C-alpha atoms as a PDB file:
ATOM      1  CA  UNK A   1     123.330-193.884 -32.439  1.00  0.00           C
ATOM      2  CA  UNK A   2     124.882-190.666 -33.135  1.00  0.00           C
ATOM      3  CA  UNK A   3     122.725-187.910 -33.483  1.00  0.00           C
ATOM      4  CA  UNK A   4     123.657-187.274 -37.147  1.00  0.00           C
ATOM      5  CA  UNK A   5     122.941-190.821 -38.234  1.00  0.00           C
ATOM      6  CA  UNK A   6     119.686-190.799 -36.154  1.00  0.00           C
ATOM      7  CA  UNK A   7     118.655-187.517 -38.181  1.00  0.00           C
ATOM      8  CA  UNK A   8     119.464-189.432 -41.380  1.00  0.00           C
ATOM      9  CA  UNK A   9     117.031-192.330 -40.498  1.00  0.00           C
ATOM     10  CA  UNK A  10     114.322-189.763 -39.764  1.00  0.00           C
ATOM     11  CA  UNK A  11     114.824-188.147 -43.071  1.00  0.00           C
ATOM     12  CA  UNK A  12     114.961-191.281 -44.919  1.00  0.00           C
ATOM     13  CA  UNK A  13     111.624-192.465 -43.101  1.00  0.00           C
ATOM     14  CA  UNK A  14     109.864-189.386 -44.110  1.00  0.00           C
ATOM     15  CA  UNK A  15     111.237-190.056 -47.661  1.00  0.00           C
ATOM     16  CA  UNK A  16     109.942-193.633 -47.908  1.00  0.00           C
ATOM     17  CA  UNK A  17     106.411-192.395 -46.654  1.00  0.00           C
ATOM     18  CA  UNK A  18     106.635-189.748 -49.367  1.00  0.00           C
ATOM     19  CA  UNK A  19     107.672-192.126 -51.785  1.00  0.00           C
ATOM     20  CA  UNK A  20     104.882-194.646 -51.171  1.00  0.00           C
ATOM     21  CA  UNK A  21     102.279-191.865 -51.107  1.00  0.00           C
ATOM     22  CA  UNK A  22     103.336-190.690 -54.510  1.00  0.00           C
ATOM     23  CA  UNK A  23     103.314-194.195 -55.821  1.00  0.00           C
ATOM     24  CA  UNK A  24      99.659-194.656 -54.363  1.00  0.00           C
ATOM     25  CA  UNK A  25      98.680-191.391 -56.190  1.00  0.00           C
ATOM     26  CA  UNK A  26     100.286-192.583 -59.504  1.00  0.00           C
ATOM     27  CA  UNK A  27      98.205-195.912 -59.015  1.00  0.00           C
ATOM     28  CA  UNK A  28      95.188-194.246 -58.037  1.00  0.00           C
ATOM     29  CA  UNK A  29      94.076-190.560 -59.157  1.00  0.00           C
ATOM     30  CA  UNK A  30      91.084-190.657 -56.689  1.00  0.00           C
ATOM     31  CA  UNK A  31      93.622-190.987 -53.919  1.00  0.00           C
ATOM     32  CA  UNK A  32      95.918-188.336 -55.350  1.00  0.00           C
ATOM     33  CA  UNK A  33      92.838-185.859 -55.514  1.00  0.00           C
ATOM     34  CA  UNK A  34      91.871-186.640 -52.214  1.00  0.00           C
ATOM     35  CA  UNK A  35      95.000-185.965 -50.750  1.00  0.00           C
ATOM     36  CA  UNK A  36      95.507-182.733 -52.411  1.00  0.00           C
ATOM     37  CA  UNK A  37      92.020-181.490 -51.020  1.00  0.00           C
ATOM     38  CA  UNK A  38      92.791-182.749 -47.627  1.00  0.00           C
ATOM     39  CA  UNK A  39      96.030-181.203 -47.687  1.00  0.00           C
ATOM     40  CA  UNK A  40      94.543-177.644 -48.801  1.00  0.00           C
ATOM     41  CA  UNK A  41      91.709-177.989 -46.381  1.00  0.00           C
ATOM     42  CA  UNK A  42      93.124-179.465 -43.226  1.00  0.00           C
ATOM     43  CA  UNK A  43      96.846-178.592 -43.812  1.00  0.00           C
ATOM     44  CA  UNK A  44      97.854-182.371 -43.593  1.00  0.00           C
ATOM     45  CA  UNK A  45     101.674-182.813 -44.618  1.00  0.00           C
ATOM     46  CA  UNK A  46     104.184-185.774 -44.787  1.00  0.00           C
ATOM     47  CA  UNK A  47     106.054-184.715 -41.396  1.00  0.00           C
ATOM     48  CA  UNK A  48     102.653-184.747 -39.667  1.00  0.00           C
ATOM     49  CA  UNK A  49     101.813-188.068 -41.162  1.00  0.00           C
ATOM     50  CA  UNK A  50     105.371-189.533 -39.715  1.00  0.00           C
ATOM     51  CA  UNK A  51     104.803-188.300 -36.483  1.00  0.00           C
ATOM     52  CA  UNK A  52     101.257-189.758 -36.349  1.00  0.00           C
ATOM     53  CA  UNK A  53     102.897-193.084 -37.556  1.00  0.00           C
ATOM     54  CA  UNK A  54     105.636-192.714 -35.145  1.00  0.00           C
ATOM     55  CA  UNK A  55     103.115-192.299 -31.989  1.00  0.00           C
ATOM     56  CA  UNK A  56     100.739-194.917 -33.349  1.00  0.00           C
ATOM     57  CA  UNK A  57     103.606-197.321 -33.259  1.00  0.00           C
ATOM     58  CA  UNK A  58     104.632-196.329 -29.789  1.00  0.00           C
ATOM     59  CA  UNK A  59     101.147-196.725 -28.416  1.00  0.00           C
ATOM     60  CA  UNK A  60     101.545-200.538 -29.724  1.00  0.00           C
ATOM     61  CA  UNK A  61     104.332-201.170 -27.484  1.00  0.00           C
ATOM     62  CA  UNK A  62     105.776-203.226 -30.223  1.00  0.00           C
ATOM     63  CA  UNK A  63     108.929-202.790 -31.755  1.00  0.00           C
ATOM     64  CA  UNK A  64     108.691-204.374 -35.056  1.00  0.00           C
ATOM     65  CA  UNK A  65     106.335-203.549 -38.043  1.00  0.00           C
ATOM     66  CA  UNK A  66     105.820-204.658 -41.560  1.00  0.00           C
ATOM     67  CA  UNK A  67     105.998-202.176 -44.547  1.00  0.00           C
ATOM     68  CA  UNK A  68     102.445-202.783 -44.985  1.00  0.00           C
ATOM     69  CA  UNK A  69     101.311-202.029 -41.524  1.00  0.00           C
ATOM     70  CA  UNK A  70     103.364-198.935 -41.547  1.00  0.00           C
ATOM     71  CA  UNK A  71     101.980-198.045 -45.067  1.00  0.00           C
ATOM     72  CA  UNK A  72      98.637-198.383 -43.765  1.00  0.00           C
ATOM     73  CA  UNK A  73      98.996-196.041 -41.017  1.00  0.00           C
ATOM     74  CA  UNK A  74     100.023-193.666 -43.614  1.00  0.00           C
ATOM     75  CA  UNK A  75      96.831-194.257 -45.629  1.00  0.00           C
ATOM     76  CA  UNK A  76      94.828-193.777 -42.527  1.00  0.00           C
ATOM     77  CA  UNK A  77      96.218-190.326 -41.919  1.00  0.00           C
ATOM     78  CA  UNK A  78      95.079-189.332 -44.959  1.00  0.00           C
ATOM     79  CA  UNK A  79      92.094-191.007 -45.253  1.00  0.00           C
ATOM     80  CA  UNK A  80      90.644-189.655 -42.049  1.00  0.00           C
ATOM     81  CA  UNK A  81      89.795-186.069 -41.466  1.00  0.00           C
ATOM     82  CA  UNK A  82      90.044-185.767 -37.765  1.00  0.00           C
ATOM     83  CA  UNK A  83      93.226-187.801 -36.886  1.00  0.00           C
ATOM     84  CA  UNK A  84      95.246-186.584 -33.681  1.00  0.00           C
ATOM     85  CA  UNK A  85      98.998-186.640 -34.630  1.00  0.00           C
ATOM     86  CA  UNK A  86     100.345-185.568 -30.949  1.00  0.00           C
ATOM     87  CA  UNK A  87     104.084-184.462 -30.714  1.00  0.00           C
ATOM     88  CA  UNK A  88     106.672-186.263 -31.817  1.00  0.00           C
ATOM     89  CA  UNK A  89     108.350-188.458 -29.240  1.00  0.00           C
ATOM     90  CA  UNK A  90     112.122-188.831 -28.999  1.00  0.00           C
ATOM     91  CA  UNK A  91     112.793-191.977 -30.356  1.00  0.00           C
ATOM     92  CA  UNK A  92     115.217-193.957 -32.585  1.00  0.00           C
ATOM     93  CA  UNK A  93     113.620-194.815 -36.069  1.00  0.00           C
ATOM     94  CA  UNK A  94     115.170-198.196 -37.386  1.00  0.00           C
ATOM     95  CA  UNK A  95     114.640-198.902 -41.173  1.00  0.00           C
ATOM     96  CA  UNK A  96     114.967-202.275 -42.961  1.00  0.00           C
ATOM     97  CA  UNK A  97     116.662-199.934 -45.363  1.00  0.00           C
ATOM     98  CA  UNK A  98     120.578-199.171 -45.365  1.00  0.00           C
ATOM     99  CA  UNK A  99     121.239-195.204 -44.869  1.00  0.00           C
ATOM    100  CA  UNK A 100     124.282-194.025 -46.800  1.00  0.00           C
ATOM    101  CA  UNK A 101     126.287-191.527 -45.034  1.00  0.00           C
ATOM    102  CA  UNK A 102     128.742-189.268 -46.770  1.00  0.00           C
ATOM    103  CA  UNK A 103     132.578-189.199 -45.970  1.00  0.00           C
ATOM    104  CA  UNK A 104     131.854-185.790 -44.127  1.00  0.00           C
ATOM    105  CA  UNK A 105     129.150-187.602 -42.336  1.00  0.00           C
ATOM    106  CA  UNK A 106     131.061-190.474 -41.120  1.00  0.00           C
ATOM    107  CA  UNK A 107     133.920-188.237 -39.846  1.00  0.00           C
ATOM    108  CA  UNK A 108     131.355-185.993 -37.651  1.00  0.00           C
ATOM    109  CA  UNK A 109     129.954-189.396 -36.237  1.00  0.00           C
ATOM    110  CA  UNK A 110     133.290-190.649 -35.605  1.00  0.00           C
ATOM    111  CA  UNK A 111     134.190-187.186 -33.674  1.00  0.00           C
ATOM    112  CA  UNK A 112     130.744-187.152 -31.791  1.00  0.00           C
ATOM    113  CA  UNK A 113     131.809-190.726 -30.744  1.00  0.00           C
ATOM    114  CA  UNK A 114     135.374-189.630 -29.585  1.00  0.00           C
ATOM    115  CA  UNK A 115     133.875-186.700 -27.791  1.00  0.00           C
ATOM    116  CA  UNK A 116     131.297-188.840 -26.072  1.00  0.00           C
ATOM    117  CA  UNK A 117     134.064-191.462 -24.947  1.00  0.00           C
ATOM    118  CA  UNK A 118     136.550-188.717 -23.669  1.00  0.00           C
ATOM    119  CA  UNK A 119     133.611-187.146 -21.865  1.00  0.00           C
ATOM    120  CA  UNK A 120     132.580-190.505 -20.204  1.00  0.00           C
ATOM    121  CA  UNK A 121     136.170-191.248 -19.225  1.00  0.00           C
ATOM    122  CA  UNK A 122     136.656-187.863 -17.718  1.00  0.00           C
ATOM    123  CA  UNK A 123     133.577-188.233 -15.556  1.00  0.00           C
ATOM    124  CA  UNK A 124     134.633-191.836 -14.601  1.00  0.00           C
ATOM    125  CA  UNK A 125     137.913-190.730 -13.500  1.00  0.00           C
ATOM    126  CA  UNK A 126     136.428-188.083 -11.430  1.00  0.00           C
ATOM    127  CA  UNK A 127     134.230-190.183  -9.706  1.00  0.00           C
ATOM    128  CA  UNK A 128     137.013-192.769  -9.022  1.00  0.00           C
ATOM    129  CA  UNK A 129     139.246-190.072  -7.558  1.00  0.00           C
ATOM    130  CA  UNK A 130     136.757-188.520  -5.256  1.00  0.00           C
ATOM    131  CA  UNK A 131     137.644-189.326  -1.521  1.00  0.00           C
ATOM    132  CA  UNK A 132     135.150-190.783   0.381  1.00  0.00           C
ATOM    133  CA  UNK A 133     133.762-189.353   3.455  1.00  0.00           C
ATOM    134  CA  UNK A 134     132.251-191.133   6.435  1.00  0.00           C
ATOM    135  CA  UNK A 135     130.918-190.108   9.660  1.00  0.00           C
ATOM    136  CA  UNK A 136     132.050-191.649  12.774  1.00  0.00           C
ATOM    137  CA  UNK A 137     128.695-192.589  15.244  1.00  0.00           C
ATOM    138  CA  UNK A 138     130.052-190.986  17.904  1.00  0.00           C
ATOM    139  CA  UNK A 139     130.641-187.212  17.882  1.00  0.00           C
ATOM    140  CA  UNK A 140     131.583-184.893  15.208  1.00  0.00           C
ATOM    141  CA  UNK A 141     134.734-186.505  14.282  1.00  0.00           C
ATOM    142  CA  UNK A 142     135.106-187.445  10.502  1.00  0.00           C
ATOM    143  CA  UNK A 143     137.072-190.139   9.212  1.00  0.00           C
ATOM    144  CA  UNK A 144     138.589-190.270   5.745  1.00  0.00           C
ATOM    145  CA  UNK A 145     139.358-193.689   4.142  1.00  0.00           C
END
């Protein structure tokens, strides 16, 4: 997946979690108050919440989760005071929502793909054209071909 599209997926994931938490806060003012207190006291934030979710998902070894499972991890992050976030792993986030790219972003993805293809083809050609050198078992004479 091109880097720009992967970045958009990550941003969309964070925005989805942020929207969920906002809806929860609108439904339950006590939750909103709790989140504000925790944010102020412990410095929790949505980016760390998403990192926590990604690490928890990675630790399960599973590849697919329901929205409710992911949202419950978000709630757990905000409910518990001593949650270890960890470092965000390099991974690909797949959403069950379509991510719209602008025309400029689409062109950038195409450019990255072309550059990657050219680099791969150049490496393949270099490897193919490198002569094979083998040693003869007797003496120091080398055979080419």
